[in-house]
Amino acid sequence: MKSKRFQQRVRTIGIGLGLGTILFASWACTAFDPEFGEIGVPEVRTVRDQAAQTDAIIELRLSQLLGEALRSQEVDCWIVVWETENLDPLVPLLTLSGTAPDGRAALLLCADEVGSSTRVALGSGLEANDGAYDLVEVEGDDLAGALSERVAARDPRRIAVNRSPGYPLSDGLSATNEDWLLQALGPSLAERMMPSGPLVEEWLSRHLDVELPLFGEAARLTVGLLEQVLSDEHIVAAGTSVTDLAWAARQVARDMGLSVAVQPQVYLQRSGPSLEETGSAGLDVLLQTGDLVFLTVGLEYLGYVTHYGRWVYMLHEEEVQAPEWVMEGLAAVADDLEAALPELQSGRGAEQIRGSLMAGIGNGGADSLVLGRVGFLVDHGLVPSEASPDQAVALLWQSDPALQAGGLVTVAVGRRWPEQSWQEAGVWLSLLESATVGPEGARLVVPPQRVPYLID
């Protein structure tokens, strides 16, 4: 498809979700991207609208997904205890905006036989959660008794708590609060406690249909940010360094009113001796004409963490497009990515997925493929670097629940392109994308990059 240069922002009204309206737009930029005009970049919502949208999704996830995840992991009750000064990272995923406990607070989330969940919020300052939880207003020493009474009444066999050394997101129960919880429950109930890691991972990997357009909104904003940064507004040959580019990504995110969740990373490919060979690998290298640069960044938006990467080629004075091998190599990696997607079917577990993908690795195709689950406010920080042969296919999740229809995965695929005129061992090319999982395979949220942006 022929390249297009964007000179102005074009706004059109998009899809109404009932929970809010997505606004699509194209951002002004001097970079070339032949497909970006078909992607569209949404307007950043106001802080109030973002909070309202996130709260609505939290309520829906609690009412429609939590009970099923509890039963799937054979967890009868899940207890989350925190204080303002000892905030568990899962609390923002379980409570609504405006939650401001006075002292210690607790959530009790239990599976019901009818396929739903019972949810109780105990403490002071939890009024914002009325409707999402049954509120129990207690303070000080009364909290321990109120929690113990309700747990004992249910007589759960397995009680999940957020102490999971292998899964940091569900390891947020402080030592002080753990001691308090052990005393509050007593020896009999305390013996039934178990790490919440597998439960948290499964719950966060489940998604409602209404969430997918919202993640798409976050994904398009991330690609829009990358397009702005990888332009001659921020890149000047022999004047912009690798560190400058990373800081430009942070600055653009701030200017857009967005929060950086996965810090920018810059990967530089250059003709001639490798940066390691020249001793420049750990230095702040200046970009120059002829460089091929890959920038990755992740944003937090509407309760989701995205992670995307995009390539830019810095034209020599006489050039009007990237070298042919760059175009062919990047298109080949995109083909590798799309060829792997049919294997990501709902109902398949990690080992089954790994086995089916291993069959397609090498043999003239991709050299590595890394998958991470994407959950509500979760990203596994994929690094699109080279993988050793025994790690050619890596799946970055701890437990092995099957992929869910409508679930989200982040995919990093890479191959060494045999361009000896640049590097004797060839040039490493990667793509970092996200996809939704369906019964017949996965589908990319945003079209993959097949042609690099250009800086003239």
Protein backbone atom coordinates (compact mmCIF):
# COMPACT_ATOMS: atom_id res chain seq x y z
CA MET A 1 0.00 0.00 0.00
CA LYS A 2 1.34 3.48 -0.87
CA SER A 3 2.71 5.62 1.98
CA LYS A 4 0.64 8.52 3.35
CA ARG A 5 1.79 11.62 5.21
CA PHE A 6 -0.56 12.99 7.83
CA GLN A 7 -0.85 16.78 8.02
CA GLN A 8 -3.85 17.22 10.28
CA ARG A 9 -5.99 15.54 12.85
CA VAL A 10 -9.23 14.02 11.63
CA ARG A 11 -11.86 13.17 14.17
CA THR A 12 -14.85 10.91 13.73
CA ILE A 13 -17.29 9.56 16.24
CA GLY A 14 -16.78 5.83 16.82
CA ILE A 15 -18.59 3.09 18.70
CA GLY A 16 -21.06 3.70 21.53
CA LEU A 17 -20.68 1.06 24.25
CA GLY A 18 -23.42 2.04 26.65
CA LEU A 19 -20.60 2.48 29.20
CA GLY A 20 -19.10 5.37 27.25
CA THR A 21 -18.26 6.48 23.73
CA ILE A 22 -14.99 5.81 21.99
CA LEU A 23 -13.64 8.73 20.00
CA PHE A 24 -11.28 7.97 17.14
CA ALA A 25 -8.81 10.45 15.65
CA SER A 26 -5.60 10.69 13.63
CA TRP A 27 -2.74 12.67 15.13
CA ALA A 28 -0.60 15.09 13.14
CA CYS A 29 2.82 13.63 12.46
CA THR A 30 5.61 13.79 9.90
CA ALA A 31 6.36 10.06 10.07
CA PHE A 32 5.26 7.78 7.26
CA ASP A 33 2.92 4.88 8.06
CA PRO A 34 0.90 3.28 5.27
CA GLU A 35 -1.73 1.68 7.51
CA PHE A 36 -2.08 4.07 10.42
CA GLY A 37 -4.87 6.05 8.80
CA GLU A 38 -7.05 2.95 9.00
CA ILE A 39 -6.30 2.42 12.70
CA GLY A 40 -7.37 5.74 14.19
CA VAL A 41 -6.31 7.15 17.56
CA PRO A 42 -8.98 7.90 20.18
CA GLU A 43 -9.19 11.13 22.08
CA VAL A 44 -7.94 10.81 25.67
CA ARG A 45 -10.95 10.85 27.97
CA THR A 46 -11.27 13.24 30.88
CA VAL A 47 -10.07 11.94 34.25
CA ARG A 48 -13.68 11.80 35.44
CA ASP A 49 -14.80 9.80 32.40
CA GLN A 50 -11.86 7.40 32.78
CA ALA A 51 -12.75 6.78 36.43
CA ALA A 52 -16.43 6.22 35.64
CA GLN A 53 -15.58 3.81 32.83
CA THR A 54 -13.09 1.89 34.96
CA ASP A 55 -15.54 1.66 37.87
CA ALA A 56 -18.23 0.27 35.58
CA ILE A 57 -15.89 -2.44 34.33
CA ILE A 58 -14.76 -3.34 37.86
CA GLU A 59 -18.38 -3.82 38.93
CA LEU A 60 -19.14 -5.97 35.88
CA ARG A 61 -16.02 -8.08 36.40
CA LEU A 62 -16.82 -8.64 40.07
CA SER A 63 -20.40 -9.67 39.38
CA GLN A 64 -19.85 -11.74 36.23
CA LEU A 65 -16.32 -13.16 36.32
CA LEU A 66 -15.12 -13.51 39.90
CA GLY A 67 -17.44 -16.32 40.98
CA GLU A 68 -16.46 -18.48 38.02
CA ALA A 69 -12.74 -17.91 38.66
CA LEU A 70 -13.15 -18.80 42.36
CA ARG A 71 -14.87 -22.07 41.53
CA SER A 72 -12.41 -22.92 38.77
CA GLN A 73 -9.50 -22.63 41.23
CA GLU A 74 -11.50 -24.38 43.99
CA VAL A 75 -11.23 -21.34 46.24
CA ASP A 76 -14.13 -20.86 48.63
CA CYS A 77 -13.20 -17.41 49.93
CA TRP A 78 -10.62 -14.77 49.06
CA ILE A 79 -9.55 -12.26 51.71
CA VAL A 80 -7.77 -9.00 50.90
CA VAL A 81 -6.51 -6.91 53.83
CA TRP A 82 -4.81 -3.53 53.48
CA GLU A 83 -4.21 -0.12 54.98
CA THR A 84 -3.68 3.22 53.28
CA GLU A 85 0.03 3.06 54.08
CA ASN A 86 0.23 -0.65 53.15
CA LEU A 87 -1.82 -0.75 49.95
CA ASP A 88 -2.15 -4.12 48.25
CA PRO A 89 -1.69 -3.61 44.45
CA LEU A 90 -4.88 -5.60 43.84
CA VAL A 91 -7.06 -3.19 45.80
CA PRO A 92 -7.45 -0.75 42.84
CA LEU A 93 -8.65 -3.70 40.72
CA LEU A 94 -11.25 -4.72 43.30
CA THR A 95 -12.60 -1.39 44.59
CA LEU A 96 -14.11 1.69 43.01
CA SER A 97 -12.62 5.17 42.73
CA GLY A 98 -13.17 7.22 45.85
CA THR A 99 -12.27 4.33 48.15
CA ALA A 100 -10.42 5.88 51.12
CA PRO A 101 -10.35 3.59 54.17
CA ASP A 102 -9.72 5.07 57.58
CA GLY A 103 -7.22 2.59 58.97
CA ARG A 104 -7.28 -1.12 58.15
CA ALA A 105 -9.92 -2.55 55.79
CA ALA A 106 -10.76 -5.97 54.41
CA LEU A 107 -12.58 -7.50 51.46
CA LEU A 108 -14.22 -10.91 51.72
CA LEU A 109 -15.05 -12.47 48.34
CA CYS A 110 -16.67 -15.91 48.38
CA ALA A 111 -17.99 -18.31 45.74
CA ASP A 112 -21.70 -19.12 45.81
CA GLU A 113 -23.21 -22.40 44.66
CA VAL A 114 -25.50 -20.62 42.21
CA GLY A 115 -22.61 -19.43 40.05
CA SER A 116 -22.10 -15.98 41.52
CA SER A 117 -20.10 -14.48 44.36
CA THR A 118 -20.81 -12.86 47.70
CA ARG A 119 -18.73 -9.74 48.32
CA VAL A 120 -18.35 -7.92 51.63
CA ALA A 121 -16.26 -4.81 52.32
CA LEU A 122 -15.40 -4.30 55.99
CA GLY A 123 -13.93 -1.12 57.44
CA SER A 124 -14.45 2.61 57.46
CA GLY A 125 -14.35 4.91 54.42
CA LEU A 126 -15.56 2.32 51.88
CA GLU A 127 -18.86 4.03 50.99
CA ALA A 128 -17.85 4.41 47.33
CA ASN A 129 -18.27 0.63 46.95
CA ASP A 130 -21.93 0.53 47.93
CA GLY A 131 -23.67 -1.71 45.40
CA ALA A 132 -20.52 -3.55 44.37
CA TYR A 133 -20.12 -4.85 47.94
CA ASP A 134 -22.21 -5.34 51.06
CA LEU A 135 -20.74 -2.70 53.36
CA VAL A 136 -19.95 -3.41 57.01
CA GLU A 137 -18.98 -0.21 58.83
CA VAL A 138 -16.51 -1.21 61.57
CA GLU A 139 -13.45 0.42 63.08
CA GLY A 140 -10.38 -0.64 65.05
CA ASP A 141 -10.59 -3.92 66.95
CA ASP A 142 -14.15 -4.53 65.75
CA LEU A 143 -12.85 -5.33 62.24
CA ALA A 144 -11.15 -8.57 63.34
CA GLY A 145 -14.29 -9.87 65.00
CA ALA A 146 -16.57 -8.88 62.11
CA LEU A 147 -14.32 -10.58 59.55
CA SER A 148 -13.78 -13.73 61.61
CA GLU A 149 -17.50 -14.10 62.25
CA ARG A 150 -18.40 -13.94 58.57
CA VAL A 151 -15.61 -16.30 57.47
CA ALA A 152 -16.47 -18.84 60.17
CA ALA A 153 -20.14 -18.74 59.15
CA ARG A 154 -19.20 -19.89 55.65
CA ASP A 155 -16.74 -22.53 56.94
CA PRO A 156 -14.56 -22.39 53.78
CA ARG A 157 -12.17 -25.23 53.00
CA ARG A 158 -9.71 -23.07 51.01
CA ILE A 159 -9.06 -19.39 51.72
CA ALA A 160 -6.93 -17.43 49.25
CA VAL A 161 -4.75 -14.59 50.54
CA ASN A 162 -2.31 -12.39 48.66
CA ARG A 163 0.92 -14.12 49.65
CA SER A 164 2.33 -15.57 46.41
CA PRO A 165 6.16 -15.34 46.14
CA GLY A 166 6.15 -16.47 42.50
CA TYR A 167 3.58 -13.93 41.34
CA PRO A 168 4.35 -10.39 42.60
CA LEU A 169 0.95 -8.91 41.75
CA SER A 170 -0.74 -11.22 44.26
CA ASP A 171 1.95 -10.89 46.93
CA GLY A 172 0.70 -7.64 48.41
CA LEU A 173 -0.28 -8.76 51.92
CA SER A 174 2.17 -7.03 54.24
CA ALA A 175 3.79 -8.93 57.09
CA THR A 176 1.93 -6.77 59.61
CA ASN A 177 -1.44 -7.41 58.01
CA GLU A 178 -0.68 -11.11 57.66
CA ASP A 179 -0.01 -11.35 61.41
CA TRP A 180 -3.24 -9.45 62.06
CA LEU A 181 -5.19 -11.78 59.75
CA LEU A 182 -3.78 -14.93 61.37
CA GLN A 183 -4.87 -13.70 64.78
CA ALA A 184 -8.27 -12.55 63.50
CA LEU A 185 -9.10 -15.90 61.90
CA GLY A 186 -7.64 -18.16 64.58
CA PRO A 187 -5.65 -21.40 64.08
CA SER A 188 -8.42 -23.50 62.52
CA LEU A 189 -9.27 -21.06 59.71
CA ALA A 190 -5.66 -19.91 59.29
CA GLU A 191 -4.63 -23.47 58.39
CA ARG A 192 -6.88 -23.25 55.32
CA MET A 193 -5.09 -20.23 53.85
CA MET A 194 -3.40 -20.61 50.44
CA PRO A 195 -1.61 -18.29 47.97
CA SER A 196 -3.95 -16.39 45.66
CA GLY A 197 -1.57 -16.38 42.64
CA PRO A 198 -3.38 -18.92 40.41
CA LEU A 199 -6.77 -17.39 41.26
CA VAL A 200 -5.61 -13.85 40.49
CA GLU A 201 -3.97 -14.90 37.25
CA GLU A 202 -7.07 -16.71 36.03
CA TRP A 203 -9.45 -13.93 37.06
CA LEU A 204 -7.38 -11.25 35.37
CA SER A 205 -7.07 -13.33 32.19
CA ARG A 206 -10.85 -13.51 31.82
CA HIS A 207 -12.58 -10.71 29.92
CA LEU A 208 -16.08 -9.56 29.11
CA ASP A 209 -17.05 -8.74 25.53
CA VAL A 210 -17.56 -5.10 26.50
CA GLU A 211 -13.93 -4.85 27.62
CA LEU A 212 -12.34 -5.64 24.28
CA PRO A 213 -13.21 -2.33 22.54
CA LEU A 214 -11.87 -0.51 25.61
CA PHE A 215 -8.57 -2.36 25.40
CA GLY A 216 -8.56 -1.49 21.70
CA GLU A 217 -8.93 2.15 22.67
CA ALA A 218 -5.90 1.87 24.95
CA ALA A 219 -3.93 0.03 22.26
CA ARG A 220 -4.62 2.70 19.64
CA LEU A 221 -3.53 5.41 22.02
CA THR A 222 -0.25 3.56 22.56
CA VAL A 223 0.39 3.23 18.84
CA GLY A 224 -0.55 6.90 18.41
CA LEU A 225 2.01 7.87 21.04
CA LEU A 226 4.70 5.81 19.29
CA GLU A 227 3.86 7.48 15.98
CA GLN A 228 4.24 10.93 17.52
CA VAL A 229 7.56 10.12 19.16
CA LEU A 230 9.02 8.43 16.09
CA SER A 231 8.76 11.57 13.99
CA ASP A 232 11.07 14.44 13.03
CA GLU A 233 9.41 16.46 15.77
CA HIS A 234 11.43 14.45 18.27
CA ILE A 235 14.24 12.83 16.23
CA VAL A 236 17.14 14.69 14.63
CA ALA A 237 20.02 12.75 13.07
CA ALA A 238 23.26 13.16 15.05
CA GLY A 239 21.36 15.21 17.61
CA THR A 240 18.93 12.78 19.27
CA SER A 241 20.29 10.03 21.50
CA VAL A 242 18.79 6.74 22.61
CA THR A 243 18.08 8.25 26.02
CA ASP A 244 16.53 11.35 24.42
CA LEU A 245 14.10 9.09 22.54
CA ALA A 246 13.04 7.27 25.69
CA TRP A 247 12.47 10.56 27.49
CA ALA A 248 10.51 11.89 24.52
CA ALA A 249 8.11 8.94 24.91
CA ARG A 250 7.61 9.81 28.58
CA GLN A 251 7.08 13.49 27.76
CA VAL A 252 4.54 12.79 25.01
CA ALA A 253 2.65 10.46 27.35
CA ARG A 254 2.52 13.23 29.96
CA ASP A 255 1.41 15.80 27.40
CA MET A 256 -1.40 13.44 26.33
CA GLY A 257 -2.44 12.95 29.96
CA LEU A 258 -1.44 9.29 29.98
CA SER A 259 0.44 7.19 32.50
CA VAL A 260 3.49 5.16 31.46
CA ALA A 261 3.19 1.62 32.85
CA VAL A 262 5.99 -0.14 30.94
CA GLN A 263 9.03 2.08 30.62
CA PRO A 264 10.26 2.95 27.09
CA GLN A 265 12.99 0.76 25.64
CA VAL A 266 15.04 1.57 22.52
CA TYR A 267 16.64 -1.12 20.35
CA LEU A 268 19.12 0.14 17.77
CA GLN A 269 20.25 -1.69 14.61
CA ARG A 270 23.16 -0.12 12.71
CA SER A 271 25.28 -1.10 9.73
CA GLY A 272 28.86 -2.09 10.49
CA PRO A 273 30.36 -3.38 13.75
CA SER A 274 27.79 -4.14 16.44
CA LEU A 275 27.45 -1.74 19.36
CA GLU A 276 28.89 -4.46 21.60
CA GLU A 277 31.96 -4.71 19.37
CA THR A 278 32.52 -0.95 19.42
CA GLY A 279 32.08 -0.78 23.17
CA SER A 280 29.06 1.50 22.82
CA ALA A 281 26.36 -0.90 23.99
CA GLY A 282 26.11 0.68 27.43
CA LEU A 283 26.52 4.28 26.27
CA ASP A 284 23.96 6.89 25.26
CA VAL A 285 24.46 6.53 21.50
CA LEU A 286 23.45 9.33 19.12
CA LEU A 287 21.11 8.25 16.35
CA GLN A 288 22.34 8.77 12.81
CA THR A 289 21.13 8.41 9.23
CA GLY A 290 20.80 4.79 8.17
CA ASP A 291 19.82 3.62 11.66
CA LEU A 292 16.91 1.24 12.18
CA VAL A 293 15.33 1.85 15.60
CA PHE A 294 12.67 -0.06 17.55
CA LEU A 295 10.88 1.76 20.40
CA THR A 296 8.60 -0.02 22.86
CA VAL A 297 6.40 1.47 25.58
CA GLY A 298 3.35 0.54 27.62
CA LEU A 299 0.52 2.73 28.90
CA GLU A 300 -2.04 2.38 31.66
CA TYR A 301 -5.46 3.50 30.48
CA LEU A 302 -9.04 2.59 31.47
CA GLY A 303 -7.70 -0.10 33.76
CA TYR A 304 -5.57 -1.83 31.11
CA VAL A 305 -1.83 -1.95 30.55
CA THR A 306 -0.75 -2.04 26.93
CA HIS A 307 2.68 -2.79 25.49
CA TYR A 308 3.56 -2.06 21.86
CA GLY A 309 6.61 -1.42 19.72
CA ARG A 310 7.18 0.36 16.40
CA TRP A 311 10.12 0.67 14.00
CA VAL A 312 11.54 3.83 12.42
CA TYR A 313 14.21 4.13 9.72
CA MET A 314 16.36 7.25 9.43
CA LEU A 315 16.77 8.08 5.76
CA HIS A 316 20.05 9.01 4.15
CA GLU A 317 19.85 12.27 2.22
CA GLU A 318 19.43 10.52 -1.13
CA GLU A 319 16.91 7.93 0.12
CA VAL A 320 13.11 8.14 -0.17
CA GLN A 321 12.33 4.80 1.50
CA ALA A 322 13.98 2.19 3.72
CA PRO A 323 16.25 -0.39 2.07
CA GLU A 324 14.38 -3.21 0.37
CA TRP A 325 15.65 -5.79 2.84
CA VAL A 326 14.17 -3.79 5.74
CA MET A 327 10.78 -3.79 4.02
CA GLU A 328 11.02 -7.51 3.24
CA GLY A 329 12.27 -8.42 6.72
CA LEU A 330 9.63 -6.49 8.63
CA ALA A 331 6.89 -7.88 6.39
CA ALA A 332 8.24 -11.40 6.98
CA VAL A 333 8.11 -10.95 10.77
CA ALA A 334 4.52 -9.69 10.46
CA ASP A 335 3.73 -12.82 8.42
CA ASP A 336 5.34 -14.96 11.15
CA LEU A 337 3.14 -13.28 13.73
CA GLU A 338 -0.06 -13.78 11.77
CA ALA A 339 0.85 -17.40 11.03
CA ALA A 340 1.06 -18.13 14.77
CA LEU A 341 -2.31 -16.63 15.67
CA PRO A 342 -4.51 -19.62 14.66
CA GLU A 343 -2.72 -21.72 17.30
CA LEU A 344 -3.94 -19.43 20.11
CA GLN A 345 -7.37 -20.98 20.47
CA SER A 346 -9.66 -20.78 23.48
CA GLY A 347 -9.61 -23.95 25.55
CA ARG A 348 -5.92 -24.62 24.96
CA GLY A 349 -3.54 -24.69 27.90
CA ALA A 350 0.06 -23.52 28.04
CA GLU A 351 1.75 -26.81 27.15
CA GLN A 352 -0.59 -27.47 24.23
CA ILE A 353 0.03 -23.96 22.90
CA ARG A 354 3.79 -24.28 23.35
CA GLY A 355 3.84 -27.60 21.50
CA SER A 356 1.84 -26.34 18.53
CA LEU A 357 3.93 -23.16 18.23
CA MET A 358 7.26 -24.99 18.48
CA ALA A 359 6.40 -26.83 15.27
CA GLY A 360 6.37 -23.52 13.40
CA ILE A 361 9.54 -22.02 14.89
CA GLY A 362 12.62 -21.99 12.68
CA ASN A 363 12.53 -23.73 9.29
CA GLY A 364 12.72 -20.39 7.51
CA GLY A 365 10.20 -18.68 9.78
CA ALA A 366 10.29 -16.98 13.17
CA ASP A 367 13.17 -17.75 15.50
CA SER A 368 11.37 -16.89 18.71
CA LEU A 369 7.86 -16.24 19.96
CA VAL A 370 6.94 -15.07 23.45
CA LEU A 371 3.39 -14.91 24.82
CA GLY A 372 2.10 -13.14 27.89
CA ARG A 373 -1.43 -12.90 29.20
CA VAL A 374 -2.90 -9.42 29.27
CA GLY A 375 -5.28 -8.77 32.13
CA PHE A 376 -7.10 -5.90 33.74
CA LEU A 377 -4.18 -3.63 34.70
CA VAL A 378 -1.65 -6.37 33.94
CA ASP A 379 1.21 -6.69 31.48
CA HIS A 380 4.10 -9.14 31.59
CA GLY A 381 6.72 -6.75 30.22
CA LEU A 382 7.72 -8.73 27.16
CA VAL A 383 11.19 -7.95 25.83
CA PRO A 384 11.50 -8.54 22.06
CA SER A 385 15.08 -9.83 22.36
CA GLU A 386 16.64 -12.95 20.99
CA ALA A 387 15.75 -16.25 22.62
CA SER A 388 17.95 -19.29 23.14
CA PRO A 389 16.91 -22.44 21.25
CA ASP A 390 15.38 -24.05 24.34
CA GLN A 391 13.33 -20.89 24.92
CA ALA A 392 12.25 -20.36 21.31
CA VAL A 393 8.64 -20.39 22.52
CA ALA A 394 8.13 -18.86 25.96
CA LEU A 395 4.81 -18.41 27.76
CA LEU A 396 4.92 -15.85 30.54
CA TRP A 397 2.27 -17.05 32.92
CA GLN A 398 2.66 -19.00 36.13
CA SER A 399 -0.35 -21.31 36.15
CA ASP A 400 -1.90 -23.21 33.26
CA PRO A 401 -5.57 -22.27 32.91
CA ALA A 402 -6.75 -22.62 29.34
CA LEU A 403 -7.01 -19.51 27.20
CA GLN A 404 -10.47 -18.02 27.43
CA ALA A 405 -12.57 -16.91 24.47
CA GLY A 406 -12.33 -13.13 24.38
CA GLY A 407 -9.08 -13.22 26.36
CA LEU A 408 -6.11 -11.03 25.54
CA VAL A 409 -2.50 -12.00 24.89
CA THR A 410 0.63 -9.98 24.18
CA VAL A 411 2.85 -11.51 21.48
CA ALA A 412 6.52 -10.79 20.79
CA VAL A 413 7.83 -12.49 17.65
CA GLY A 414 11.33 -12.18 16.21
CA ARG A 415 13.64 -13.53 13.58
CA ARG A 416 17.23 -12.97 12.45
CA TRP A 417 17.12 -11.53 8.96
CA PRO A 418 20.18 -12.58 6.89
CA GLU A 419 21.46 -9.14 5.91
CA GLN A 420 25.22 -9.62 6.04
CA SER A 421 25.87 -6.21 4.47
CA TRP A 422 24.76 -4.71 7.81
CA GLN A 423 25.76 -7.37 10.32
CA GLU A 424 27.68 -10.55 9.59
CA ALA A 425 25.31 -12.58 11.77
CA GLY A 426 22.24 -10.86 10.33
CA VAL A 427 19.85 -8.30 11.81
CA TRP A 428 17.37 -9.12 14.56
CA LEU A 429 13.82 -7.91 13.78
CA SER A 430 10.92 -8.11 16.24
CA LEU A 431 7.29 -7.13 16.58
CA LEU A 432 5.41 -6.58 19.84
CA GLU A 433 1.61 -6.73 19.51
CA SER A 434 -1.61 -7.73 21.33
CA ALA A 435 -4.38 -10.05 20.19
CA THR A 436 -7.82 -11.20 21.30
CA VAL A 437 -8.39 -14.96 21.60
CA GLY A 438 -11.28 -16.64 19.81
CA PRO A 439 -12.45 -20.23 19.21
CA GLU A 440 -10.55 -20.42 15.91
CA GLY A 441 -7.46 -18.52 16.94
CA ALA A 442 -6.39 -15.02 17.87
CA ARG A 443 -6.95 -11.74 16.11
CA LEU A 444 -4.67 -8.72 16.36
CA VAL A 445 -6.11 -5.68 18.10
CA VAL A 446 -4.18 -3.32 15.80
CA PRO A 447 -2.71 -4.27 12.39
CA PRO A 448 0.99 -5.15 12.68
CA GLN A 449 3.62 -2.79 11.35
CA ARG A 450 4.87 -3.96 7.95
CA VAL A 451 6.63 -0.78 6.83
CA PRO A 452 8.80 1.34 9.14
CA TYR A 453 8.10 4.97 9.85
CA LEU A 454 10.59 7.23 8.06
CA ILE A 455 12.60 10.20 9.30
CA ASP A 456 13.85 12.46 6.47
